[in-house]
Protein backbone atom coordinates (compact mmCIF):
# COMPACT_ATOMS: atom_id res chain seq x y z
CA UNK A 1 -1.50 -14.06 -6.00
CA UNK A 2 0.00 -13.69 -2.46
CA UNK A 3 -2.58 -12.41 0.04
CA UNK A 4 -0.25 -9.64 1.22
CA UNK A 5 3.13 -8.18 0.92
CA UNK A 6 5.17 -8.11 4.07
CA UNK A 7 8.48 -6.13 4.73
CA UNK A 8 9.65 -6.47 8.11
CA UNK A 9 11.36 -3.51 9.75
CA UNK A 10 14.04 -2.94 12.37
CA UNK A 11 12.11 -0.55 14.65
CA UNK A 12 9.12 -0.90 16.86
CA UNK A 13 6.74 0.39 14.30
CA UNK A 14 4.53 -1.65 11.90
CA UNK A 15 2.29 0.01 9.15
CA UNK A 16 -0.69 -1.97 8.04
CA UNK A 17 -2.55 -1.13 4.73
CA UNK A 18 -5.44 -3.46 4.59
CA UNK A 19 -7.61 -1.82 1.86
CA UNK A 20 -5.20 -0.97 -1.04
CA UNK A 21 -5.66 -4.34 -2.72
CA UNK A 22 -7.65 -4.64 -5.92
CA UNK A 23 -7.20 -8.35 -6.80
CA UNK A 24 -10.38 -10.49 -7.32
CA UNK A 25 -10.11 -14.09 -7.77
CA UNK A 26 -11.93 -14.94 -11.08
CA UNK A 27 -14.63 -17.15 -9.46
CA UNK A 28 -15.54 -14.15 -7.20
CA UNK A 29 -15.25 -11.54 -9.77
CA UNK A 30 -17.70 -13.44 -12.05
CA UNK A 31 -20.47 -13.02 -9.44
CA UNK A 32 -19.91 -9.28 -8.77
CA UNK A 33 -21.96 -6.48 -10.44
CA UNK A 34 -20.37 -4.17 -12.97
CA UNK A 35 -20.07 -1.79 -9.95
CA UNK A 36 -18.41 -4.43 -7.85
CA UNK A 37 -15.75 -5.42 -10.40
CA UNK A 38 -14.60 -1.72 -10.41
CA UNK A 39 -13.65 -2.15 -6.82
CA UNK A 40 -14.71 1.50 -6.15
CA UNK A 41 -14.07 1.52 -2.43
CA UNK A 42 -10.36 0.75 -2.71
CA UNK A 43 -7.96 2.82 -0.66
CA UNK A 44 -6.34 3.90 -4.04
CA UNK A 45 -2.55 4.33 -4.05
CA UNK A 46 -2.39 4.60 -0.35
CA UNK A 47 0.39 2.12 0.11
CA UNK A 48 2.58 4.31 -2.02
CA UNK A 49 2.23 6.98 0.52
CA UNK A 50 3.88 4.64 3.10
CA UNK A 51 6.76 3.25 0.96
CA UNK A 52 9.31 5.89 2.41
CA UNK A 53 8.46 4.63 5.89
CA UNK A 54 10.94 1.71 5.21
CA UNK A 55 13.77 4.15 5.38
CA UNK A 56 12.93 4.89 8.99
CA UNK A 57 12.77 1.20 10.11
CA UNK A 58 9.15 0.75 9.90
CA UNK A 59 7.82 -2.63 8.69
CA UNK A 60 5.02 -2.69 6.09
CA UNK A 61 2.04 -5.18 5.75
CA UNK A 62 0.00 -4.40 2.51
CA UNK A 63 -3.00 -6.51 1.39
CA UNK A 64 -3.19 -7.62 -2.17
CA UNK A 65 -6.94 -8.56 -2.30
CA UNK A 66 -9.98 -6.29 -2.62
CA UNK A 67 -12.09 -5.67 0.38
CA UNK A 68 -15.00 -7.14 -1.70
CA UNK A 69 -13.32 -10.46 -1.21
CA UNK A 70 -13.24 -9.91 2.55
CA UNK A 71 -12.80 -6.71 4.54
CA UNK A 72 -9.67 -7.01 6.83
CA UNK A 73 -10.78 -4.10 8.97
CA UNK A 74 -14.05 -5.65 10.05
CA UNK A 75 -14.84 -7.82 13.01
CA UNK A 76 -15.13 -11.43 11.76
CA UNK A 77 -18.07 -12.11 14.05
CA UNK A 78 -19.94 -9.36 12.26
CA UNK A 79 -20.00 -6.92 15.19
CA UNK A 80 -20.66 -3.44 13.71
CA UNK A 81 -17.96 -0.71 14.03
CA UNK A 82 -20.49 2.05 14.83
CA UNK A 83 -23.67 0.67 16.38
CA UNK A 84 -26.84 2.44 15.12
CA UNK A 85 -24.99 3.91 12.08
CA UNK A 86 -24.79 2.73 8.67
CA UNK A 87 -22.07 -0.01 8.52
CA UNK A 88 -20.40 -2.15 5.93
CA UNK A 89 -19.89 -5.91 6.60
CA UNK A 90 -16.87 -8.15 6.68
CA UNK A 91 -17.99 -9.20 3.19
CA UNK A 92 -19.61 -6.05 1.77
CA UNK A 93 -23.02 -6.23 0.09
CA UNK A 94 -23.02 -2.67 -1.24
CA UNK A 95 -20.63 0.05 -2.41
CA UNK A 96 -20.03 3.21 -0.45
CA UNK A 97 -22.41 4.70 -3.05
CA UNK A 98 -25.12 2.22 -2.02
CA UNK A 99 -24.91 0.19 -5.29
CA UNK A 100 -25.26 -3.54 -5.04
CA UNK A 101 -21.94 -5.46 -5.06
CA UNK A 102 -23.49 -8.88 -5.97
CA UNK A 103 -25.53 -10.10 -8.91
CA UNK A 104 -29.02 -11.33 -8.06
CA UNK A 105 -28.90 -14.50 -6.04
CA UNK A 106 -25.06 -14.65 -6.11
CA UNK A 107 -24.22 -13.04 -2.80
CA UNK A 108 -22.17 -15.18 -0.52
CA UNK A 109 -24.03 -17.24 2.07
CA UNK A 110 -23.05 -17.28 5.65
CA UNK A 111 -21.11 -20.46 5.24
CA UNK A 112 -19.09 -18.85 2.41
CA UNK A 113 -18.39 -15.71 4.47
CA UNK A 114 -17.10 -18.00 7.19
CA UNK A 115 -14.76 -19.74 4.60
CA UNK A 116 -13.57 -16.53 3.30
CA UNK A 117 -12.69 -15.28 6.73
CA UNK A 118 -10.56 -18.48 7.23
CA UNK A 119 -8.99 -18.43 3.78
CA UNK A 120 -8.45 -14.67 3.33
CA UNK A 121 -8.99 -12.67 6.62
CA UNK A 122 -7.23 -15.07 9.03
CA UNK A 123 -3.77 -15.15 7.43
CA UNK A 124 -3.50 -11.44 7.26
CA UNK A 125 -4.31 -11.17 10.90
CA UNK A 126 -2.07 -13.96 11.93
CA UNK A 127 0.88 -12.22 10.25
CA UNK A 128 -0.13 -8.89 11.96
CA UNK A 129 -0.47 -10.46 15.32
CA UNK A 130 2.66 -12.35 15.06
CA UNK A 131 4.74 -9.38 13.90
CA UNK A 132 3.37 -7.18 16.80
CA UNK A 133 4.36 -9.95 19.24
CA UNK A 134 7.82 -10.17 17.69
CA UNK A 135 8.25 -6.42 18.04
CA UNK A 136 7.11 -6.53 21.53
CA UNK A 137 9.44 -9.29 22.48
CA UNK A 138 12.42 -7.41 20.83
CA UNK A 139 11.65 -3.93 22.02
CA UNK A 140 9.17 -4.35 24.86
CA UNK A 141 6.76 -2.02 22.89
CA UNK A 142 5.07 -2.00 19.42
CA UNK A 143 3.27 0.73 17.58
CA UNK A 144 0.81 -0.16 14.85
CA UNK A 145 -0.24 2.51 12.34
CA UNK A 146 -3.25 1.44 10.22
CA UNK A 147 -3.18 3.37 6.90
CA UNK A 148 -6.45 4.01 4.96
CA UNK A 149 -7.93 6.54 2.47
CA UNK A 150 -11.56 7.46 1.41
CA UNK A 151 -13.24 9.64 -1.05
CA UNK A 152 -13.42 13.10 0.40
CA UNK A 153 -17.26 13.15 0.17
CA UNK A 154 -19.22 10.04 0.89
CA UNK A 155 -22.86 10.91 1.61
CA UNK A 156 -23.77 7.47 2.69
CA UNK A 157 -21.74 7.87 5.82
CA UNK A 158 -21.33 11.66 6.50
CA UNK A 159 -22.38 15.01 5.27
CA UNK A 160 -20.04 17.44 3.54
CA UNK A 161 -16.36 16.91 2.98
CA UNK A 162 -14.16 15.01 5.38
CA UNK A 163 -11.01 16.74 6.70
CA UNK A 164 -7.86 15.85 5.08
CA UNK A 165 -6.53 13.80 7.82
CA UNK A 166 -8.77 11.79 10.09
CA UNK A 167 -6.95 10.20 13.10
CA UNK A 168 -8.58 7.37 14.98
CA UNK A 169 -7.57 6.29 18.39
CA UNK A 170 -10.74 4.53 19.56
CA UNK A 171 -11.57 7.64 21.58
CA UNK A 172 -8.25 7.57 23.42
CA UNK A 173 -8.25 3.94 24.26
CA UNK A 174 -6.03 2.28 21.67
CA UNK A 175 -2.77 4.12 22.33
CA UNK A 176 -1.01 6.29 24.87
CA UNK A 177 -2.22 9.91 25.05
CA UNK A 178 1.19 11.48 24.56
CA UNK A 179 1.65 9.37 21.40
CA UNK A 180 -1.63 10.62 19.92
CA UNK A 181 -0.97 14.14 21.03
CA UNK A 182 2.45 14.10 19.28
CA UNK A 183 0.88 13.10 16.00
CA UNK A 184 -1.86 15.61 16.15
CA UNK A 185 0.75 18.36 16.92
CA UNK A 186 2.47 17.35 13.70
CA UNK A 187 -0.89 17.55 11.88
CA UNK A 188 -1.53 21.02 13.46
CA UNK A 189 1.69 22.35 12.14
CA UNK A 190 0.83 21.33 8.67
CA UNK A 191 -1.45 22.96 6.21
CA UNK A 192 -3.78 20.08 6.10
CA UNK A 193 -7.15 19.93 7.83
CA UNK A 194 -7.38 17.33 10.49
CA UNK A 195 -9.70 15.85 13.16
CA UNK A 196 -9.03 13.27 15.96
CA UNK A 197 -11.72 10.66 16.62
CA UNK A 198 -14.24 12.29 14.53
CA UNK A 199 -16.30 10.25 12.05
CA UNK A 200 -13.57 7.63 12.00
CA UNK A 201 -12.50 6.54 15.44
CA UNK A 202 -10.62 3.52 14.12
CA UNK A 203 -11.67 0.14 12.68
CA UNK A 204 -11.35 -3.37 13.84
CA UNK A 205 -7.70 -3.47 13.55
CA UNK A 206 -6.96 -0.31 15.73
CA UNK A 207 -9.55 -1.33 18.36
CA UNK A 208 -8.57 -5.01 18.53
CA UNK A 209 -4.71 -4.73 18.56
CA UNK A 210 -4.35 -1.42 20.50
CA UNK A 211 -3.63 -2.36 24.09
CA UNK A 212 -1.73 0.47 25.61
CA UNK A 213 -1.58 -1.25 29.02
CA UNK A 214 0.20 -4.25 27.32
CA UNK A 215 2.62 -1.92 25.38
CA UNK A 216 0.89 -2.28 22.05
CA UNK A 217 -0.34 0.97 20.64
CA UNK A 218 -2.54 1.40 17.63
CA UNK A 219 -3.61 4.37 15.61
CA UNK A 220 -5.62 4.69 12.40
CA UNK A 221 -5.05 7.46 9.73
CA UNK A 222 -7.92 7.86 7.19
CA UNK A 223 -6.87 10.31 4.39
CA UNK A 224 -9.36 12.15 2.18
CA UNK A 225 -8.19 11.01 -1.14
CA UNK A 226 -8.32 14.59 -2.52
CA UNK A 227 -5.22 15.22 -0.47
CA UNK A 228 -3.10 13.11 -2.68
CA UNK A 229 -4.87 11.93 -5.83
CA UNK A 230 -7.48 12.98 -8.38
CA UNK A 231 -10.87 11.75 -7.42
CA UNK A 232 -12.19 11.86 -10.93
CA UNK A 233 -11.87 8.63 -13.04
CA UNK A 234 -9.39 7.10 -13.83
CA UNK A 235 -8.40 8.10 -10.22
CA UNK A 236 -4.70 8.75 -11.02
CA UNK A 237 -2.00 9.35 -8.40
CA UNK A 238 -1.25 13.08 -8.28
CA UNK A 239 2.52 13.36 -7.75
CA UNK A 240 2.30 17.03 -6.82
CA UNK A 241 -0.42 16.55 -4.30
CA UNK A 242 1.00 13.41 -2.91
CA UNK A 243 4.37 15.01 -2.36
CA UNK A 244 2.89 17.51 0.14
CA UNK A 245 1.29 14.65 2.06
CA UNK A 246 4.39 12.40 1.96
CA UNK A 247 6.49 15.19 3.48
CA UNK A 248 4.16 15.04 6.47
CA UNK A 249 4.21 11.18 6.53
CA UNK A 250 8.03 11.38 6.53
CA UNK A 251 7.78 13.50 9.67
CA UNK A 252 5.21 11.35 11.43
CA UNK A 253 6.75 7.96 10.84
CA UNK A 254 10.16 8.98 12.54
CA UNK A 255 8.17 10.54 15.31
CA UNK A 256 6.46 7.28 15.98
CA UNK A 257 9.76 5.39 15.87
CA UNK A 258 11.38 7.91 18.18
CA UNK A 259 8.45 7.77 20.64
CA UNK A 260 8.62 3.90 20.77
CA UNK A 261 12.32 3.68 20.98
CA UNK A 262 12.25 5.89 24.06
CA UNK A 263 10.11 3.22 25.64
CA UNK A 264 12.13 0.23 24.26
CA UNK A 265 14.10 -2.09 26.39
CA UNK A 266 16.21 -3.51 23.44
């Protein structure tokens, strides 16, 4: 199984989808609990939301492996995303419902975590970094959109229901302000609820790669899954719900491309 699927684009925009993967290598799956083998914290179907983005010239980088193998959106050194809050690790030990991921005495050791980072985490980020560098060389600017989703209610991390659209810009540090404002204006014109830099301000990918002063701009969108799928098992894609959201995404992506091309030197 390839670690990821990559489709290069012909615009300055790259879309990363690090948590849609469900594949578990057999030797890892054998050590997981029943809850863990169900990969419950997957960003279900979210990569399908971004397939139309290719029509607008955006590149796509989509992970195939489950976040229970390694979480591609966490700091490899173990630095927490939200200091003082409940955080998940680069190799998670519990589900979002606080259920154990690993069978007794079968959790990865620190050495194994380090090996997984090299085997599974590093190649994805090498591709991500090299593609952003290619875009910047060609266009003078690159825009990274990190696509995520999450159950609309996760008591472990927040009270109540999440807004439909949760935009993260690392509190305004990962992208130009007019880019973020342009995206939120499109959200505001829709019938979806939304927030910017609320509970989710952007994960490792957004914070690490977003360098506006260096002409690399990064934004994360965390979508409440109720906005595009059925949250009851078996967690099916809901075409009617998804169609509404995809209309918005098909407005946002060309807006990202247009913003970037205005600043391009190509």
